[in-house]
PDB file of N, CA and C in Angstrom:
ATOM      1  N   UNK A   1      -0.008 232.877 -65.489  1.00  0.00           N
ATOM      2  CA  UNK A   1       1.206 232.339 -66.051  1.00  0.00           C
ATOM      3  C   UNK A   1       2.042 233.487 -66.599  1.00  0.00           C
ATOM      4  N   UNK A   2       3.337 233.439 -66.365  1.00  0.00           N
ATOM      5  CA  UNK A   2       4.250 234.465 -66.854  1.00  0.00           C
ATOM      6  C   UNK A   2       4.396 234.351 -68.370  1.00  0.00           C
ATOM      7  N   UNK A   3       4.259 235.492 -69.023  1.00  0.00           N
ATOM      8  CA  UNK A   3       4.392 235.566 -70.478  1.00  0.00           C
ATOM      9  C   UNK A   3       5.689 236.256 -70.884  1.00  0.00           C
ATOM     10  N   UNK A   4       6.054 237.326 -70.171  1.00  0.00           N
ATOM     11  CA  UNK A   4       7.278 238.067 -70.458  1.00  0.00           C
ATOM     12  C   UNK A   4       8.122 238.166 -69.198  1.00  0.00           C
ATOM     13  N   UNK A   5       9.413 237.984 -69.364  1.00  0.00           N
ATOM     14  CA  UNK A   5      10.352 238.124 -68.256  1.00  0.00           C
ATOM     15  C   UNK A   5      11.599 238.813 -68.788  1.00  0.00           C
ATOM     16  N   UNK A   6      12.350 239.422 -67.902  1.00  0.00           N
ATOM     17  CA  UNK A   6      13.571 240.100 -68.310  1.00  0.00           C
ATOM     18  C   UNK A   6      14.652 239.077 -68.632  1.00  0.00           C
ATOM     19  N   UNK A   7      15.250 239.227 -69.797  1.00  0.00           N
ATOM     20  CA  UNK A   7      16.265 238.251 -70.202  1.00  0.00           C
ATOM     21  C   UNK A   7      17.543 238.431 -69.401  1.00  0.00           C
ATOM     22  N   UNK A   8      18.280 237.340 -69.300  1.00  0.00           N
ATOM     23  CA  UNK A   8      19.552 237.368 -68.604  1.00  0.00           C
ATOM     24  C   UNK A   8      20.587 238.171 -69.380  1.00  0.00           C
ATOM     25  N   UNK A   9      21.625 238.581 -68.701  1.00  0.00           N
ATOM     26  CA  UNK A   9      22.695 239.319 -69.347  1.00  0.00           C
ATOM     27  C   UNK A   9      23.335 238.473 -70.437  1.00  0.00           C
ATOM     28  N   UNK A  10      23.653 239.102 -71.549  1.00  0.00           N
ATOM     29  CA  UNK A  10      24.327 238.452 -72.683  1.00  0.00           C
ATOM     30  C   UNK A  10      23.505 237.331 -73.325  1.00  0.00           C
ATOM     31  N   UNK A  11      22.210 237.336 -73.155  1.00  0.00           N
ATOM     32  CA  UNK A  11      21.362 236.322 -73.779  1.00  0.00           C
ATOM     33  C   UNK A  11      20.865 236.818 -75.127  1.00  0.00           C
ATOM     34  N   UNK A  12      20.823 235.931 -76.104  1.00  0.00           N
ATOM     35  CA  UNK A  12      20.360 236.303 -77.441  1.00  0.00           C
ATOM     36  C   UNK A  12      19.132 235.502 -77.863  1.00  0.00           C
ATOM     37  N   UNK A  13      18.693 234.589 -77.037  1.00  0.00           N
ATOM     38  CA  UNK A  13      17.518 233.775 -77.376  1.00  0.00           C
ATOM     39  C   UNK A  13      16.250 234.626 -77.264  1.00  0.00           C
ATOM     40  N   UNK A  14      15.255 234.306 -78.067  1.00  0.00           N
ATOM     41  CA  UNK A  14      14.016 235.064 -78.055  1.00  0.00           C
ATOM     42  C   UNK A  14      12.939 234.436 -77.176  1.00  0.00           C
ATOM     43  N   UNK A  15      13.286 233.387 -76.454  1.00  0.00           N
ATOM     44  CA  UNK A  15      12.319 232.737 -75.567  1.00  0.00           C
ATOM     45  C   UNK A  15      13.074 231.984 -74.469  1.00  0.00           C
ATOM     46  N   UNK A  16      12.331 231.535 -73.475  1.00  0.00           N
ATOM     47  CA  UNK A  16      12.931 230.716 -72.425  1.00  0.00           C
ATOM     48  C   UNK A  16      12.058 229.496 -72.232  1.00  0.00           C
ATOM     49  N   UNK A  17      12.662 228.417 -71.775  1.00  0.00           N
ATOM     50  CA  UNK A  17      11.941 227.174 -71.591  1.00  0.00           C
ATOM     51  C   UNK A  17      12.259 226.608 -70.214  1.00  0.00           C
ATOM     52  N   UNK A  18      11.373 226.821 -69.238  1.00  0.00           N
ATOM     53  CA  UNK A  18      11.628 226.339 -67.877  1.00  0.00           C
ATOM     54  C   UNK A  18      11.792 224.822 -67.783  1.00  0.00           C
ATOM     55  N   UNK A  19      11.403 224.129 -68.833  1.00  0.00           N
ATOM     56  CA  UNK A  19      11.540 222.668 -68.839  1.00  0.00           C
ATOM     57  C   UNK A  19      12.991 222.236 -68.588  1.00  0.00           C
ATOM     58  N   UNK A  20      13.942 223.063 -68.980  1.00  0.00           N
ATOM     59  CA  UNK A  20      15.350 222.705 -68.841  1.00  0.00           C
ATOM     60  C   UNK A  20      16.000 223.298 -67.601  1.00  0.00           C
ATOM     61  N   UNK A  21      15.240 223.971 -66.758  1.00  0.00           N
ATOM     62  CA  UNK A  21      15.791 224.551 -65.534  1.00  0.00           C
ATOM     63  C   UNK A  21      15.929 223.485 -64.463  1.00  0.00           C
ATOM     64  N   UNK A  22      16.908 223.620 -63.634  1.00  0.00           N
ATOM     65  CA  UNK A  22      17.108 222.684 -62.529  1.00  0.00           C
ATOM     66  C   UNK A  22      17.712 221.391 -63.021  1.00  0.00           C
ATOM     67  N   UNK A  23      17.413 220.350 -62.317  1.00  0.00           N
ATOM     68  CA  UNK A  23      17.937 219.033 -62.665  1.00  0.00           C
ATOM     69  C   UNK A  23      16.804 218.026 -62.762  1.00  0.00           C
ATOM     70  N   UNK A  24      15.851 218.263 -63.662  1.00  0.00           N
ATOM     71  CA  UNK A  24      14.727 217.344 -63.754  1.00  0.00           C
ATOM     72  C   UNK A  24      15.181 215.967 -64.232  1.00  0.00           C
ATOM     73  N   UNK A  25      14.846 214.930 -63.517  1.00  0.00           N
ATOM     74  CA  UNK A  25      15.323 213.588 -63.882  1.00  0.00           C
ATOM     75  C   UNK A  25      14.798 213.104 -65.222  1.00  0.00           C
ATOM     76  N   UNK A  26      13.647 213.591 -65.659  1.00  0.00           N
ATOM     77  CA  UNK A  26      13.079 213.116 -66.919  1.00  0.00           C
ATOM     78  C   UNK A  26      13.654 213.818 -68.150  1.00  0.00           C
ATOM     79  N   UNK A  27      14.482 214.834 -67.951  1.00  0.00           N
ATOM     80  CA  UNK A  27      15.109 215.545 -69.062  1.00  0.00           C
ATOM     81  C   UNK A  27      16.538 215.048 -69.215  1.00  0.00           C
ATOM     82  N   UNK A  28      16.814 214.447 -70.346  1.00  0.00           N
ATOM     83  CA  UNK A  28      18.156 213.926 -70.590  1.00  0.00           C
ATOM     84  C   UNK A  28      18.819 214.748 -71.684  1.00  0.00           C
ATOM     85  N   UNK A  29      18.992 216.027 -71.412  1.00  0.00           N
ATOM     86  CA  UNK A  29      19.635 216.913 -72.370  1.00  0.00           C
ATOM     87  C   UNK A  29      20.558 217.861 -71.623  1.00  0.00           C
ATOM     88  N   UNK A  30      21.743 217.383 -71.233  1.00  0.00           N
ATOM     89  CA  UNK A  30      22.658 218.215 -70.457  1.00  0.00           C
ATOM     90  C   UNK A  30      23.112 219.472 -71.194  1.00  0.00           C
ATOM     91  N   UNK A  31      23.093 219.458 -72.522  1.00  0.00           N
ATOM     92  CA  UNK A  31      23.495 220.640 -73.282  1.00  0.00           C
ATOM     93  C   UNK A  31      22.512 221.780 -73.041  1.00  0.00           C
ATOM     94  N   UNK A  32      21.210 221.515 -73.185  1.00  0.00           N
ATOM     95  CA  UNK A  32      20.203 222.558 -72.960  1.00  0.00           C
ATOM     96  C   UNK A  32      20.194 222.996 -71.506  1.00  0.00           C
ATOM     97  N   UNK A  33      20.246 222.060 -70.585  1.00  0.00           N
ATOM     98  CA  UNK A  33      20.246 222.415 -69.171  1.00  0.00           C
ATOM     99  C   UNK A  33      21.470 223.253 -68.839  1.00  0.00           C
ATOM    100  N   UNK A  34      22.628 222.900 -69.379  1.00  0.00           N
ATOM    101  CA  UNK A  34      23.848 223.663 -69.130  1.00  0.00           C
ATOM    102  C   UNK A  34      23.797 225.073 -69.692  1.00  0.00           C
ATOM    103  N   UNK A  35      23.094 225.255 -70.816  1.00  0.00           N
ATOM    104  CA  UNK A  35      22.982 226.583 -71.420  1.00  0.00           C
ATOM    105  C   UNK A  35      21.985 227.462 -70.676  1.00  0.00           C
ATOM    106  N   UNK A  36      21.017 226.882 -70.006  1.00  0.00           N
ATOM    107  CA  UNK A  36      19.935 227.673 -69.433  1.00  0.00           C
ATOM    108  C   UNK A  36      19.900 227.712 -67.913  1.00  0.00           C
ATOM    109  N   UNK A  37      20.711 226.899 -67.235  1.00  0.00           N
ATOM    110  CA  UNK A  37      20.618 226.780 -65.778  1.00  0.00           C
ATOM    111  C   UNK A  37      21.965 226.959 -65.120  1.00  0.00           C
ATOM    112  N   UNK A  38      22.045 227.815 -64.108  1.00  0.00           N
ATOM    113  CA  UNK A  38      23.253 228.002 -63.305  1.00  0.00           C
ATOM    114  C   UNK A  38      23.132 227.088 -62.087  1.00  0.00           C
ATOM    115  N   UNK A  39      23.832 225.971 -62.114  1.00  0.00           N
ATOM    116  CA  UNK A  39      23.689 224.973 -61.049  1.00  0.00           C
ATOM    117  C   UNK A  39      24.301 225.427 -59.723  1.00  0.00           C
ATOM    118  N   UNK A  40      25.206 226.397 -59.755  1.00  0.00           N
ATOM    119  CA  UNK A  40      25.784 226.919 -58.516  1.00  0.00           C
ATOM    120  C   UNK A  40      24.802 227.865 -57.829  1.00  0.00           C
ATOM    121  N   UNK A  41      24.270 228.832 -58.582  1.00  0.00           N
ATOM    122  CA  UNK A  41      23.332 229.808 -58.014  1.00  0.00           C
ATOM    123  C   UNK A  41      21.911 229.248 -57.896  1.00  0.00           C
ATOM    124  N   UNK A  42      21.651 228.133 -58.573  1.00  0.00           N
ATOM    125  CA  UNK A  42      20.320 227.511 -58.586  1.00  0.00           C
ATOM    126  C   UNK A  42      19.247 228.456 -59.123  1.00  0.00           C
ATOM    127  N   UNK A  43      19.554 229.017 -60.305  1.00  0.00           N
ATOM    128  CA  UNK A  43      18.593 229.867 -60.989  1.00  0.00           C
ATOM    129  C   UNK A  43      18.933 229.889 -62.474  1.00  0.00           C
ATOM    130  N   UNK A  44      18.003 230.336 -63.302  1.00  0.00           N
ATOM    131  CA  UNK A  44      18.253 230.313 -64.747  1.00  0.00           C
ATOM    132  C   UNK A  44      19.274 231.341 -65.196  1.00  0.00           C
ATOM    133  N   UNK A  45      19.926 231.021 -66.307  1.00  0.00           N
ATOM    134  CA  UNK A  45      20.853 231.956 -66.938  1.00  0.00           C
ATOM    135  C   UNK A  45      20.115 232.845 -67.938  1.00  0.00           C
ATOM    136  N   UNK A  46      19.077 232.310 -68.555  1.00  0.00           N
ATOM    137  CA  UNK A  46      18.418 233.024 -69.635  1.00  0.00           C
ATOM    138  C   UNK A  46      17.329 233.995 -69.178  1.00  0.00           C
ATOM    139  N   UNK A  47      16.997 234.010 -67.899  1.00  0.00           N
ATOM    140  CA  UNK A  47      16.052 234.969 -67.341  1.00  0.00           C
ATOM    141  C   UNK A  47      16.736 235.634 -66.152  1.00  0.00           C
ATOM    142  N   UNK A  48      16.734 236.961 -66.127  1.00  0.00           N
ATOM    143  CA  UNK A  48      17.370 237.664 -65.015  1.00  0.00           C
ATOM    144  C   UNK A  48      16.371 237.774 -63.870  1.00  0.00           C
ATOM    145  N   UNK A  49      16.598 237.026 -62.822  1.00  0.00           N
ATOM    146  CA  UNK A  49      15.641 236.977 -61.711  1.00  0.00           C
ATOM    147  C   UNK A  49      16.053 237.838 -60.526  1.00  0.00           C
ATOM    148  N   UNK A  50      17.176 238.552 -60.658  1.00  0.00           N
ATOM    149  CA  UNK A  50      17.617 239.433 -59.566  1.00  0.00           C
ATOM    150  C   UNK A  50      18.003 240.822 -60.070  1.00  0.00           C
ATOM    151  N   UNK A  51      17.467 241.221 -61.191  1.00  0.00           N
ATOM    152  CA  UNK A  51      17.829 242.519 -61.764  1.00  0.00           C
ATOM    153  C   UNK A  51      17.437 243.677 -60.850  1.00  0.00           C
ATOM    154  N   UNK A  52      16.365 243.548 -60.123  1.00  0.00           N
ATOM    155  CA  UNK A  52      15.866 244.616 -59.251  1.00  0.00           C
ATOM    156  C   UNK A  52      15.967 244.152 -57.797  1.00  0.00           C
ATOM    157  N   UNK A  53      17.172 244.117 -57.294  1.00  0.00           N
ATOM    158  CA  UNK A  53      17.370 243.640 -55.931  1.00  0.00           C
ATOM    159  C   UNK A  53      17.243 242.136 -55.872  1.00  0.00           C
ATOM    160  N   UNK A  54      16.334 241.666 -55.095  1.00  0.00           N
ATOM    161  CA  UNK A  54      16.156 240.220 -54.923  1.00  0.00           C
ATOM    162  C   UNK A  54      15.033 239.650 -55.779  1.00  0.00           C
ATOM    163  N   UNK A  55      14.638 240.375 -56.814  1.00  0.00           N
ATOM    164  CA  UNK A  55      13.558 239.885 -57.666  1.00  0.00           C
ATOM    165  C   UNK A  55      13.599 240.498 -59.046  1.00  0.00           C
ATOM    166  N   UNK A  56      12.504 240.306 -59.784  1.00  0.00           N
ATOM    167  CA  UNK A  56      12.414 240.828 -61.138  1.00  0.00           C
ATOM    168  C   UNK A  56      10.962 241.164 -61.460  1.00  0.00           C
ATOM    169  N   UNK A  57      10.782 241.892 -62.554  1.00  0.00           N
ATOM    170  CA  UNK A  57       9.445 242.238 -63.020  1.00  0.00           C
ATOM    171  C   UNK A  57       9.046 241.256 -64.102  1.00  0.00           C
ATOM    172  N   UNK A  58       7.809 240.819 -64.057  1.00  0.00           N
ATOM    173  CA  UNK A  58       7.289 239.895 -65.055  1.00  0.00           C
ATOM    174  C   UNK A  58       5.904 240.363 -65.486  1.00  0.00           C
ATOM    175  N   UNK A  59       5.524 239.987 -66.701  1.00  0.00           N
ATOM    176  CA  UNK A  59       4.198 240.294 -67.220  1.00  0.00           C
ATOM    177  C   UNK A  59       3.473 238.967 -67.437  1.00  0.00           C
ATOM    178  N   UNK A  60       2.227 238.946 -67.043  1.00  0.00           N
ATOM    179  CA  UNK A  60       1.427 237.728 -67.095  1.00  0.00           C
ATOM    180  C   UNK A  60       0.496 237.733 -68.309  1.00  0.00           C
ATOM    181  N   UNK A  61      -0.037 236.571 -68.656  1.00  0.00           N
ATOM    182  CA  UNK A  61      -0.899 236.451 -69.830  1.00  0.00           C
ATOM    183  C   UNK A  61      -2.126 237.350 -69.770  1.00  0.00           C
ATOM    184  N   UNK A  62      -2.618 237.656 -68.589  1.00  0.00           N
ATOM    185  CA  UNK A  62      -3.804 238.515 -68.498  1.00  0.00           C
ATOM    186  C   UNK A  62      -3.458 239.989 -68.609  1.00  0.00           C
ATOM    187  N   UNK A  63      -2.163 240.328 -68.793  1.00  0.00           N
ATOM    188  CA  UNK A  63      -1.737 241.695 -69.029  1.00  0.00           C
ATOM    189  C   UNK A  63      -1.188 242.434 -67.823  1.00  0.00           C
ATOM    190  N   UNK A  64      -1.352 241.887 -66.615  1.00  0.00           N
ATOM    191  CA  UNK A  64      -0.816 242.606 -65.456  1.00  0.00           C
ATOM    192  C   UNK A  64       0.673 242.316 -65.308  1.00  0.00           C
ATOM    193  N   UNK A  65       1.370 243.230 -64.677  1.00  0.00           N
ATOM    194  CA  UNK A  65       2.798 243.076 -64.409  1.00  0.00           C
ATOM    195  C   UNK A  65       2.997 243.091 -62.905  1.00  0.00           C
ATOM    196  N   UNK A  66       4.054 242.402 -62.467  1.00  0.00           N
ATOM    197  CA  UNK A  66       4.288 242.300 -61.033  1.00  0.00           C
ATOM    198  C   UNK A  66       5.756 242.036 -60.753  1.00  0.00           C
ATOM    199  N   UNK A  67       6.211 242.566 -59.642  1.00  0.00           N
ATOM    200  CA  UNK A  67       7.532 242.254 -59.126  1.00  0.00           C
ATOM    201  C   UNK A  67       7.416 240.940 -58.355  1.00  0.00           C
ATOM    202  N   UNK A  68       8.414 240.069 -58.498  1.00  0.00           N
ATOM    203  CA  UNK A  68       8.383 238.814 -57.758  1.00  0.00           C
ATOM    204  C   UNK A  68       9.774 238.322 -57.429  1.00  0.00           C
ATOM    205  N   UNK A  69       9.867 237.639 -56.312  1.00  0.00           N
ATOM    206  CA  UNK A  69      11.125 236.998 -55.910  1.00  0.00           C
ATOM    207  C   UNK A  69      11.194 235.627 -56.564  1.00  0.00           C
ATOM    208  N   UNK A  70      12.382 235.243 -56.972  1.00  0.00           N
ATOM    209  CA  UNK A  70      12.605 233.991 -57.702  1.00  0.00           C
ATOM    210  C   UNK A  70      11.984 232.782 -57.006  1.00  0.00           C
ATOM    211  N   UNK A  71      12.218 232.647 -55.713  1.00  0.00           N
ATOM    212  CA  UNK A  71      11.724 231.447 -55.022  1.00  0.00           C
ATOM    213  C   UNK A  71      10.201 231.393 -54.933  1.00  0.00           C
ATOM    214  N   UNK A  72       9.513 232.502 -55.199  1.00  0.00           N
ATOM    215  CA  UNK A  72       8.049 232.512 -55.210  1.00  0.00           C
ATOM    216  C   UNK A  72       7.485 232.308 -56.619  1.00  0.00           C
ATOM    217  N   UNK A  73       8.345 232.461 -57.640  1.00  0.00           N
ATOM    218  CA  UNK A  73       7.883 232.343 -59.019  1.00  0.00           C
ATOM    219  C   UNK A  73       8.068 230.944 -59.603  1.00  0.00           C
ATOM    220  N   UNK A  74       9.040 230.200 -59.109  1.00  0.00           N
ATOM    221  CA  UNK A  74       9.349 228.893 -59.701  1.00  0.00           C
ATOM    222  C   UNK A  74       9.937 227.977 -58.639  1.00  0.00           C
ATOM    223  N   UNK A  75       9.576 226.730 -58.682  1.00  0.00           N
ATOM    224  CA  UNK A  75      10.193 225.739 -57.816  1.00  0.00           C
ATOM    225  C   UNK A  75       9.999 224.367 -58.442  1.00  0.00           C
ATOM    226  N   UNK A  76      10.879 223.451 -58.104  1.00  0.00           N
ATOM    227  CA  UNK A  76      10.775 222.088 -58.603  1.00  0.00           C
ATOM    228  C   UNK A  76      10.019 221.245 -57.599  1.00  0.00           C
ATOM    229  N   UNK A  77       9.152 220.424 -58.105  1.00  0.00           N
ATOM    230  CA  UNK A  77       8.429 219.450 -57.295  1.00  0.00           C
ATOM    231  C   UNK A  77       8.299 218.205 -58.161  1.00  0.00           C
ATOM    232  N   UNK A  78       9.281 217.331 -58.070  1.00  0.00           N
ATOM    233  CA  UNK A  78       9.320 216.171 -58.963  1.00  0.00           C
ATOM    234  C   UNK A  78       8.118 215.254 -58.790  1.00  0.00           C
ATOM    235  N   UNK A  79       7.439 215.312 -57.651  1.00  0.00           N
ATOM    236  CA  UNK A  79       6.252 214.476 -57.471  1.00  0.00           C
ATOM    237  C   UNK A  79       5.077 214.974 -58.302  1.00  0.00           C
ATOM    238  N   UNK A  80       5.095 216.270 -58.706  1.00  0.00           N
ATOM    239  CA  UNK A  80       4.002 216.851 -59.486  1.00  0.00           C
ATOM    240  C   UNK A  80       4.408 217.191 -60.909  1.00  0.00           C
ATOM    241  N   UNK A  81       5.646 216.969 -61.275  1.00  0.00           N
ATOM    242  CA  UNK A  81       6.081 217.287 -62.628  1.00  0.00           C
ATOM    243  C   UNK A  81       7.416 218.013 -62.624  1.00  0.00           C
ATOM    244  N   UNK A  82       7.774 218.531 -63.761  1.00  0.00           N
ATOM    245  CA  UNK A  82       9.091 219.128 -63.953  1.00  0.00           C
ATOM    246  C   UNK A  82       9.263 220.400 -63.152  1.00  0.00           C
ATOM    247  N   UNK A  83       8.299 221.299 -63.195  1.00  0.00           N
ATOM    248  CA  UNK A  83       8.409 222.580 -62.523  1.00  0.00           C
ATOM    249  C   UNK A  83       7.032 223.035 -62.081  1.00  0.00           C
ATOM    250  N   UNK A  84       7.004 223.999 -61.203  1.00  0.00           N
ATOM    251  CA  UNK A  84       5.762 224.537 -60.668  1.00  0.00           C
ATOM    252  C   UNK A  84       5.877 226.045 -60.597  1.00  0.00           C
ATOM    253  N   UNK A  85       4.811 226.710 -60.247  1.00  0.00           N
ATOM    254  CA  UNK A  85       4.847 228.150 -60.061  1.00  0.00           C
ATOM    255  C   UNK A  85       4.349 228.914 -61.263  1.00  0.00           C
ATOM    256  N   UNK A  86       4.664 230.195 -61.306  1.00  0.00           N
ATOM    257  CA  UNK A  86       4.111 231.094 -62.306  1.00  0.00           C
ATOM    258  C   UNK A  86       4.690 230.903 -63.712  1.00  0.00           C
ATOM    259  N   UNK A  87       5.753 230.140 -63.864  1.00  0.00           N
ATOM    260  CA  UNK A  87       6.279 229.828 -65.189  1.00  0.00           C
ATOM    261  C   UNK A  87       5.657 228.541 -65.728  1.00  0.00           C
ATOM    262  N   UNK A  88       4.800 227.897 -64.968  1.00  0.00           N
ATOM    263  CA  UNK A  88       4.240 226.592 -65.319  1.00  0.00           C
ATOM    264  C   UNK A  88       2.932 226.764 -66.093  1.00  0.00           C
ATOM    265  N   UNK A  89       2.910 226.410 -67.394  1.00  0.00           N
ATOM    266  CA  UNK A  89       1.680 226.587 -68.185  1.00  0.00           C
ATOM    267  C   UNK A  89       0.549 225.681 -67.740  1.00  0.00           C
ATOM    268  N   UNK A  90       0.826 224.712 -66.893  1.00  0.00           N
ATOM    269  CA  UNK A  90      -0.244 223.819 -66.420  1.00  0.00           C
ATOM    270  C   UNK A  90      -1.053 224.431 -65.299  1.00  0.00           C
ATOM    271  N   UNK A  91      -0.607 225.573 -64.752  1.00  0.00           N
ATOM    272  CA  UNK A  91      -1.324 226.192 -63.630  1.00  0.00           C
ATOM    273  C   UNK A  91      -2.591 226.846 -64.088  1.00  0.00           C
TER     274      UNK A  91
END
């Protein structure tokens, strides 16, 4: 599970919450989703996922760090819950 990620440009928050990314039907908080999700680019505003070309560096709970492409780190699967991938604490 990802523990540290590079923050988005001009972000001042000290954490990110993937729960508000995308358009999850069970989340009825357009204010939070609007602050954290770019619906045009289909990626978060509060985490910079393209700082290093087409991906970013992340650090995992076990201490290792890795470069990853956004589409391999997170995806929505409404049949299994709000979000999936390396940002999902249920993994």
